[in-house]
Amino acid sequence: MKTELRLKIIDVCNKKIINKGDNVGLSFYAFFANKNETPELLMEVATWWIQTHRLDHFVKAIKIKTMVEDGM
């Protein structure tokens, strides 16, 4: 995963955790605007989320943040 995308995911997770607490869940759509202007990045995250790690639709933000920070 590109460094730019990793940083964006970590930033979004941090904001969600700060606003809603450690138990907040999110889907990979949380990292993109409603009008997706970067379909390549969306597909990269979707592949990472669904095919590579076989994650459920909603996953705790703290788990996603840790996975991305650990380079998974």
PDB file of N, CA and C in Angstrom:
ATOM      1  N   MET A   1       0.850  -1.180   0.000  1.00  0.00           N
ATOM      2  CA  MET A   1       0.000   0.000   0.000  1.00  0.00           C
ATOM      3  C   MET A   1       0.895   1.243   0.000  1.00  0.00           C
ATOM      4  N   LYS A   2       0.503   2.211  -0.777  1.00  0.00           N
ATOM      5  CA  LYS A   2       1.274   3.450  -0.887  1.00  0.00           C
ATOM      6  C   LYS A   2       1.335   4.188   0.459  1.00  0.00           C
ATOM      7  N   THR A   3       2.466   4.845   0.699  1.00  0.00           N
ATOM      8  CA  THR A   3       2.669   5.591   1.942  1.00  0.00           C
ATOM      9  C   THR A   3       1.584   6.641   2.131  1.00  0.00           C
ATOM     10  N   GLU A   4       1.241   7.355   1.075  1.00  0.00           N
ATOM     11  CA  GLU A   4       0.199   8.394   1.137  1.00  0.00           C
ATOM     12  C   GLU A   4      -1.123   7.811   1.643  1.00  0.00           C
ATOM     13  N   LEU A   5      -1.463   6.640   1.153  1.00  0.00           N
ATOM     14  CA  LEU A   5      -2.708   5.990   1.550  1.00  0.00           C
ATOM     15  C   LEU A   5      -2.636   5.505   2.995  1.00  0.00           C
ATOM     16  N   ARG A   6      -1.519   4.934   3.387  1.00  0.00           N
ATOM     17  CA  ARG A   6      -1.333   4.499   4.775  1.00  0.00           C
ATOM     18  C   ARG A   6      -1.520   5.672   5.737  1.00  0.00           C
ATOM     19  N   LEU A   7      -0.910   6.803   5.417  1.00  0.00           N
ATOM     20  CA  LEU A   7      -1.024   7.985   6.276  1.00  0.00           C
ATOM     21  C   LEU A   7      -2.460   8.475   6.354  1.00  0.00           C
ATOM     22  N   LYS A   8      -3.164   8.435   5.234  1.00  0.00           N
ATOM     23  CA  LYS A   8      -4.575   8.861   5.218  1.00  0.00           C
ATOM     24  C   LYS A   8      -5.422   7.943   6.092  1.00  0.00           C
ATOM     25  N   ILE A   9      -5.209   6.634   5.985  1.00  0.00           N
ATOM     26  CA  ILE A   9      -5.968   5.672   6.785  1.00  0.00           C
ATOM     27  C   ILE A   9      -5.708   5.889   8.272  1.00  0.00           C
ATOM     28  N   ILE A  10      -4.450   6.062   8.648  1.00  0.00           N
ATOM     29  CA  ILE A  10      -4.105   6.295  10.054  1.00  0.00           C
ATOM     30  C   ILE A  10      -4.753   7.579  10.548  1.00  0.00           C
ATOM     31  N   ASP A  11      -4.721   8.635   9.735  1.00  0.00           N
ATOM     32  CA  ASP A  11      -5.326   9.913  10.112  1.00  0.00           C
ATOM     33  C   ASP A  11      -6.833   9.777  10.324  1.00  0.00           C
ATOM     34  N   VAL A  12      -7.519   9.121   9.401  1.00  0.00           N
ATOM     35  CA  VAL A  12      -8.970   8.924   9.526  1.00  0.00           C
ATOM     36  C   VAL A  12      -9.280   8.096  10.773  1.00  0.00           C
ATOM     37  N   CYS A  13      -8.529   7.036  10.996  1.00  0.00           N
ATOM     38  CA  CYS A  13      -8.749   6.201  12.181  1.00  0.00           C
ATOM     39  C   CYS A  13      -8.552   7.017  13.453  1.00  0.00           C
ATOM     40  N   ASN A  14      -7.494   7.809  13.511  1.00  0.00           N
ATOM     41  CA  ASN A  14      -7.243   8.651  14.690  1.00  0.00           C
ATOM     42  C   ASN A  14      -8.403   9.597  14.956  1.00  0.00           C
ATOM     43  N   LYS A  15      -8.895  10.232  13.902  1.00  0.00           N
ATOM     44  CA  LYS A  15     -10.015  11.172  14.065  1.00  0.00           C
ATOM     45  C   LYS A  15     -11.273  10.461  14.548  1.00  0.00           C
ATOM     46  N   LYS A  16     -11.564   9.294  13.972  1.00  0.00           N
ATOM     47  CA  LYS A  16     -12.753   8.534  14.391  1.00  0.00           C
ATOM     48  C   LYS A  16     -12.631   8.116  15.851  1.00  0.00           C
ATOM     49  N   ILE A  17     -11.448   7.656  16.251  1.00  0.00           N
ATOM     50  CA  ILE A  17     -11.220   7.206  17.630  1.00  0.00           C
ATOM     51  C   ILE A  17     -11.368   8.376  18.593  1.00  0.00           C
ATOM     52  N   ILE A  18     -10.800   9.520  18.239  1.00  0.00           N
ATOM     53  CA  ILE A  18     -10.910  10.704  19.096  1.00  0.00           C
ATOM     54  C   ILE A  18     -12.372  11.130  19.245  1.00  0.00           C
ATOM     55  N   ASN A  19     -13.123  11.135  18.147  1.00  0.00           N
ATOM     56  CA  ASN A  19     -14.513  11.604  18.166  1.00  0.00           C
ATOM     57  C   ASN A  19     -15.502  10.606  18.747  1.00  0.00           C
ATOM     58  N   LYS A  20     -15.254   9.312  18.543  1.00  0.00           N
ATOM     59  CA  LYS A  20     -16.268   8.320  18.917  1.00  0.00           C
ATOM     60  C   LYS A  20     -15.778   7.266  19.903  1.00  0.00           C
ATOM     61  N   GLY A  21     -14.490   7.261  20.225  1.00  0.00           N
ATOM     62  CA  GLY A  21     -13.960   6.321  21.198  1.00  0.00           C
ATOM     63  C   GLY A  21     -13.326   5.090  20.556  1.00  0.00           C
ATOM     64  N   ASP A  22     -12.671   4.290  21.397  1.00  0.00           N
ATOM     65  CA  ASP A  22     -11.917   3.113  20.941  1.00  0.00           C
ATOM     66  C   ASP A  22     -12.775   2.031  20.303  1.00  0.00           C
ATOM     67  N   ASN A  23     -14.064   2.056  20.550  1.00  0.00           N
ATOM     68  CA  ASN A  23     -14.947   1.005  20.041  1.00  0.00           C
ATOM     69  C   ASN A  23     -15.526   1.299  18.662  1.00  0.00           C
ATOM     70  N   VAL A  24     -15.186   2.436  18.089  1.00  0.00           N
ATOM     71  CA  VAL A  24     -15.779   2.829  16.808  1.00  0.00           C
ATOM     72  C   VAL A  24     -15.337   1.879  15.695  1.00  0.00           C
ATOM     73  N   GLY A  25     -16.316   1.498  14.873  1.00  0.00           N
ATOM     74  CA  GLY A  25     -16.035   0.663  13.712  1.00  0.00           C
ATOM     75  C   GLY A  25     -16.162   1.478  12.444  1.00  0.00           C
ATOM     76  N   LEU A  26     -15.490   1.018  11.401  1.00  0.00           N
ATOM     77  CA  LEU A  26     -15.600   1.694  10.122  1.00  0.00           C
ATOM     78  C   LEU A  26     -15.418   0.698   8.992  1.00  0.00           C
ATOM     79  N   SER A  27     -15.812   1.121   7.805  1.00  0.00           N
ATOM     80  CA  SER A  27     -15.605   0.306   6.611  1.00  0.00           C
ATOM     81  C   SER A  27     -14.543   1.000   5.766  1.00  0.00           C
ATOM     82  N   PHE A  28     -14.094   0.337   4.729  1.00  0.00           N
ATOM     83  CA  PHE A  28     -13.051   0.959   3.902  1.00  0.00           C
ATOM     84  C   PHE A  28     -13.563   2.188   3.177  1.00  0.00           C
ATOM     85  N   TYR A  29     -14.859   2.356   3.081  1.00  0.00           N
ATOM     86  CA  TYR A  29     -15.423   3.559   2.457  1.00  0.00           C
ATOM     87  C   TYR A  29     -15.160   4.812   3.298  1.00  0.00           C
ATOM     88  N   ALA A  30     -14.838   4.649   4.573  1.00  0.00           N
ATOM     89  CA  ALA A  30     -14.599   5.786   5.465  1.00  0.00           C
ATOM     90  C   ALA A  30     -13.415   6.638   5.014  1.00  0.00           C
ATOM     91  N   PHE A  31     -12.565   6.089   4.174  1.00  0.00           N
ATOM     92  CA  PHE A  31     -11.361   6.790   3.755  1.00  0.00           C
ATOM     93  C   PHE A  31     -11.549   7.593   2.470  1.00  0.00           C
ATOM     94  N   PHE A  32     -12.793   7.629   1.968  1.00  0.00           N
ATOM     95  CA  PHE A  32     -13.057   8.278   0.690  1.00  0.00           C
ATOM     96  C   PHE A  32     -14.305   9.138   0.777  1.00  0.00           C
ATOM     97  N   ALA A  33     -14.346  10.185  -0.055  1.00  0.00           N
ATOM     98  CA  ALA A  33     -15.515  11.053  -0.144  1.00  0.00           C
ATOM     99  C   ALA A  33     -16.632  10.313  -0.871  1.00  0.00           C
ATOM    100  N   ASN A  34     -17.859  10.810  -0.727  1.00  0.00           N
ATOM    101  CA  ASN A  34     -18.994  10.191  -1.414  1.00  0.00           C
ATOM    102  C   ASN A  34     -18.789  10.161  -2.921  1.00  0.00           C
ATOM    103  N   LYS A  35     -18.204  11.213  -3.452  1.00  0.00           N
ATOM    104  CA  LYS A  35     -17.873  11.232  -4.883  1.00  0.00           C
ATOM    105  C   LYS A  35     -16.412  10.831  -4.996  1.00  0.00           C
ATOM    106  N   ASN A  36     -16.198   9.573  -5.329  1.00  0.00           N
ATOM    107  CA  ASN A  36     -14.843   9.061  -5.358  1.00  0.00           C
ATOM    108  C   ASN A  36     -14.078   9.580  -6.572  1.00  0.00           C
ATOM    109  N   GLU A  37     -13.071  10.369  -6.299  1.00  0.00           N
ATOM    110  CA  GLU A  37     -12.245  10.939  -7.358  1.00  0.00           C
ATOM    111  C   GLU A  37     -10.976  10.118  -7.594  1.00  0.00           C
ATOM    112  N   THR A  38     -10.762   9.089  -6.787  1.00  0.00           N
ATOM    113  CA  THR A  38      -9.551   8.268  -6.908  1.00  0.00           C
ATOM    114  C   THR A  38      -9.914   6.780  -6.895  1.00  0.00           C
ATOM    115  N   PRO A  39     -10.519   6.290  -7.971  1.00  0.00           N
ATOM    116  CA  PRO A  39     -10.947   4.891  -7.991  1.00  0.00           C
ATOM    117  C   PRO A  39      -9.803   3.898  -7.820  1.00  0.00           C
ATOM    118  N   GLU A  40      -8.599   4.271  -8.248  1.00  0.00           N
ATOM    119  CA  GLU A  40      -7.463   3.365  -8.085  1.00  0.00           C
ATOM    120  C   GLU A  40      -7.157   3.138  -6.609  1.00  0.00           C
ATOM    121  N   LEU A  41      -7.199   4.223  -5.824  1.00  0.00           N
ATOM    122  CA  LEU A  41      -6.946   4.095  -4.388  1.00  0.00           C
ATOM    123  C   LEU A  41      -8.064   3.322  -3.696  1.00  0.00           C
ATOM    124  N   LEU A  42      -9.297   3.570  -4.107  1.00  0.00           N
ATOM    125  CA  LEU A  42     -10.423   2.830  -3.540  1.00  0.00           C
ATOM    126  C   LEU A  42     -10.241   1.332  -3.786  1.00  0.00           C
ATOM    127  N   MET A  43      -9.867   0.962  -4.985  1.00  0.00           N
ATOM    128  CA  MET A  43      -9.664  -0.453  -5.304  1.00  0.00           C
ATOM    129  C   MET A  43      -8.484  -1.034  -4.529  1.00  0.00           C
ATOM    130  N   GLU A  44      -7.455  -0.230  -4.314  1.00  0.00           N
ATOM    131  CA  GLU A  44      -6.300  -0.696  -3.538  1.00  0.00           C
ATOM    132  C   GLU A  44      -6.717  -1.017  -2.102  1.00  0.00           C
ATOM    133  N   VAL A  45      -7.496  -0.120  -1.499  1.00  0.00           N
ATOM    134  CA  VAL A  45      -7.960  -0.357  -0.127  1.00  0.00           C
ATOM    135  C   VAL A  45      -8.952  -1.515  -0.090  1.00  0.00           C
ATOM    136  N   ALA A  46      -9.854  -1.572  -1.051  1.00  0.00           N
ATOM    137  CA  ALA A  46     -10.837  -2.667  -1.092  1.00  0.00           C
ATOM    138  C   ALA A  46     -10.133  -4.017  -1.220  1.00  0.00           C
ATOM    139  N   THR A  47      -9.123  -4.090  -2.060  1.00  0.00           N
ATOM    140  CA  THR A  47      -8.364  -5.340  -2.223  1.00  0.00           C
ATOM    141  C   THR A  47      -7.663  -5.708  -0.934  1.00  0.00           C
ATOM    142  N   TRP A  48      -7.022  -4.728  -0.300  1.00  0.00           N
ATOM    143  CA  TRP A  48      -6.332  -4.954   0.972  1.00  0.00           C
ATOM    144  C   TRP A  48      -7.326  -5.442   2.036  1.00  0.00           C
ATOM    145  N   TRP A  49      -8.476  -4.800   2.103  1.00  0.00           N
ATOM    146  CA  TRP A  49      -9.487  -5.068   3.132  1.00  0.00           C
ATOM    147  C   TRP A  49     -10.178  -6.422   2.895  1.00  0.00           C
ATOM    148  N   ILE A  50     -10.636  -6.655   1.658  1.00  0.00           N
ATOM    149  CA  ILE A  50     -11.488  -7.807   1.358  1.00  0.00           C
ATOM    150  C   ILE A  50     -10.680  -9.033   0.958  1.00  0.00           C
ATOM    151  N   GLN A  51      -9.820  -8.889  -0.020  1.00  0.00           N
ATOM    152  CA  GLN A  51      -9.107 -10.064  -0.530  1.00  0.00           C
ATOM    153  C   GLN A  51      -7.904 -10.446   0.322  1.00  0.00           C
ATOM    154  N   THR A  52      -7.088  -9.477   0.693  1.00  0.00           N
ATOM    155  CA  THR A  52      -5.861  -9.788   1.413  1.00  0.00           C
ATOM    156  C   THR A  52      -6.133 -10.214   2.851  1.00  0.00           C
ATOM    157  N   HIS A  53      -6.953  -9.440   3.564  1.00  0.00           N
ATOM    158  CA  HIS A  53      -7.157  -9.693   4.994  1.00  0.00           C
ATOM    159  C   HIS A  53      -8.515 -10.279   5.345  1.00  0.00           C
ATOM    160  N   ARG A  54      -9.413 -10.367   4.360  1.00  0.00           N
ATOM    161  CA  ARG A  54     -10.742 -10.951   4.570  1.00  0.00           C
ATOM    162  C   ARG A  54     -11.450 -10.376   5.808  1.00  0.00           C
ATOM    163  N   LEU A  55     -11.436  -9.050   5.881  1.00  0.00           N
ATOM    164  CA  LEU A  55     -12.062  -8.358   7.002  1.00  0.00           C
ATOM    165  C   LEU A  55     -13.565  -8.245   6.789  1.00  0.00           C
ATOM    166  N   ASP A  56     -14.306  -8.160   7.887  1.00  0.00           N
ATOM    167  CA  ASP A  56     -15.742  -7.915   7.820  1.00  0.00           C
ATOM    168  C   ASP A  56     -15.992  -6.513   7.280  1.00  0.00           C
ATOM    169  N   HIS A  57     -17.258  -6.230   6.970  1.00  0.00           N
ATOM    170  CA  HIS A  57     -17.599  -4.916   6.428  1.00  0.00           C
ATOM    171  C   HIS A  57     -17.211  -3.803   7.400  1.00  0.00           C
ATOM    172  N   PHE A  58     -17.544  -3.950   8.677  1.00  0.00           N
ATOM    173  CA  PHE A  58     -17.160  -2.970   9.694  1.00  0.00           C
ATOM    174  C   PHE A  58     -16.130  -3.601  10.626  1.00  0.00           C
ATOM    175  N   VAL A  59     -15.045  -2.862  10.855  1.00  0.00           N
ATOM    176  CA  VAL A  59     -13.955  -3.309  11.718  1.00  0.00           C
ATOM    177  C   VAL A  59     -13.593  -2.145  12.628  1.00  0.00           C
ATOM    178  N   LYS A  60     -13.179  -2.448  13.841  1.00  0.00           N
ATOM    179  CA  LYS A  60     -12.793  -1.395  14.771  1.00  0.00           C
ATOM    180  C   LYS A  60     -11.632  -0.583  14.190  1.00  0.00           C
ATOM    181  N   ALA A  61     -11.743   0.724  14.295  1.00  0.00           N
ATOM    182  CA  ALA A  61     -10.724   1.632  13.751  1.00  0.00           C
ATOM    183  C   ALA A  61      -9.359   1.361  14.366  1.00  0.00           C
ATOM    184  N   ILE A  62      -9.333   1.030  15.645  1.00  0.00           N
ATOM    185  CA  ILE A  62      -8.058   0.769  16.325  1.00  0.00           C
ATOM    186  C   ILE A  62      -7.347  -0.440  15.699  1.00  0.00           C
ATOM    187  N   LYS A  63      -8.110  -1.444  15.274  1.00  0.00           N
ATOM    188  CA  LYS A  63      -7.517  -2.618  14.640  1.00  0.00           C
ATOM    189  C   LYS A  63      -6.936  -2.253  13.275  1.00  0.00           C
ATOM    190  N   ILE A  64      -7.686  -1.491  12.482  1.00  0.00           N
ATOM    191  CA  ILE A  64      -7.214  -1.092  11.156  1.00  0.00           C
ATOM    192  C   ILE A  64      -5.958  -0.235  11.298  1.00  0.00           C
ATOM    193  N   LYS A  65      -5.985   0.715  12.225  1.00  0.00           N
ATOM    194  CA  LYS A  65      -4.845   1.578  12.442  1.00  0.00           C
ATOM    195  C   LYS A  65      -3.604   0.756  12.792  1.00  0.00           C
ATOM    196  N   THR A  66      -3.745  -0.183  13.689  1.00  0.00           N
ATOM    197  CA  THR A  66      -2.622  -1.047  14.094  1.00  0.00           C
ATOM    198  C   THR A  66      -2.110  -1.865  12.932  1.00  0.00           C
ATOM    199  N   MET A  67      -3.024  -2.442  12.146  1.00  0.00           N
ATOM    200  CA  MET A  67      -2.609  -3.236  10.986  1.00  0.00           C
ATOM    201  C   MET A  67      -1.804  -2.394   9.999  1.00  0.00           C
ATOM    202  N   VAL A  68      -2.268  -1.192   9.733  1.00  0.00           N
ATOM    203  CA  VAL A  68      -1.591  -0.317   8.767  1.00  0.00           C
ATOM    204  C   VAL A  68      -0.235   0.131   9.326  1.00  0.00           C
ATOM    205  N   GLU A  69      -0.203   0.482  10.599  1.00  0.00           N
ATOM    206  CA  GLU A  69       1.067   0.899  11.216  1.00  0.00           C
ATOM    207  C   GLU A  69       2.084  -0.248  11.227  1.00  0.00           C
ATOM    208  N   ASP A  70       1.600  -1.466  11.389  1.00  0.00           N
ATOM    209  CA  ASP A  70       2.479  -2.644  11.409  1.00  0.00           C
ATOM    210  C   ASP A  70       2.889  -3.106  10.018  1.00  0.00           C
ATOM    211  N   GLY A  71       2.380  -2.425   8.987  1.00  0.00           N
ATOM    212  CA  GLY A  71       2.757  -2.749   7.620  1.00  0.00           C
ATOM    213  C   GLY A  71       2.064  -3.957   7.040  1.00  0.00           C
ATOM    214  N   MET A  72       0.961  -4.333   7.615  1.00  0.00           N
ATOM    215  CA  MET A  72       0.216  -5.490   7.112  1.00  0.00           C
ATOM    216  C   MET A  72      -0.485  -5.161   5.822  1.00  0.00           C
TER     217      MET A  72
END
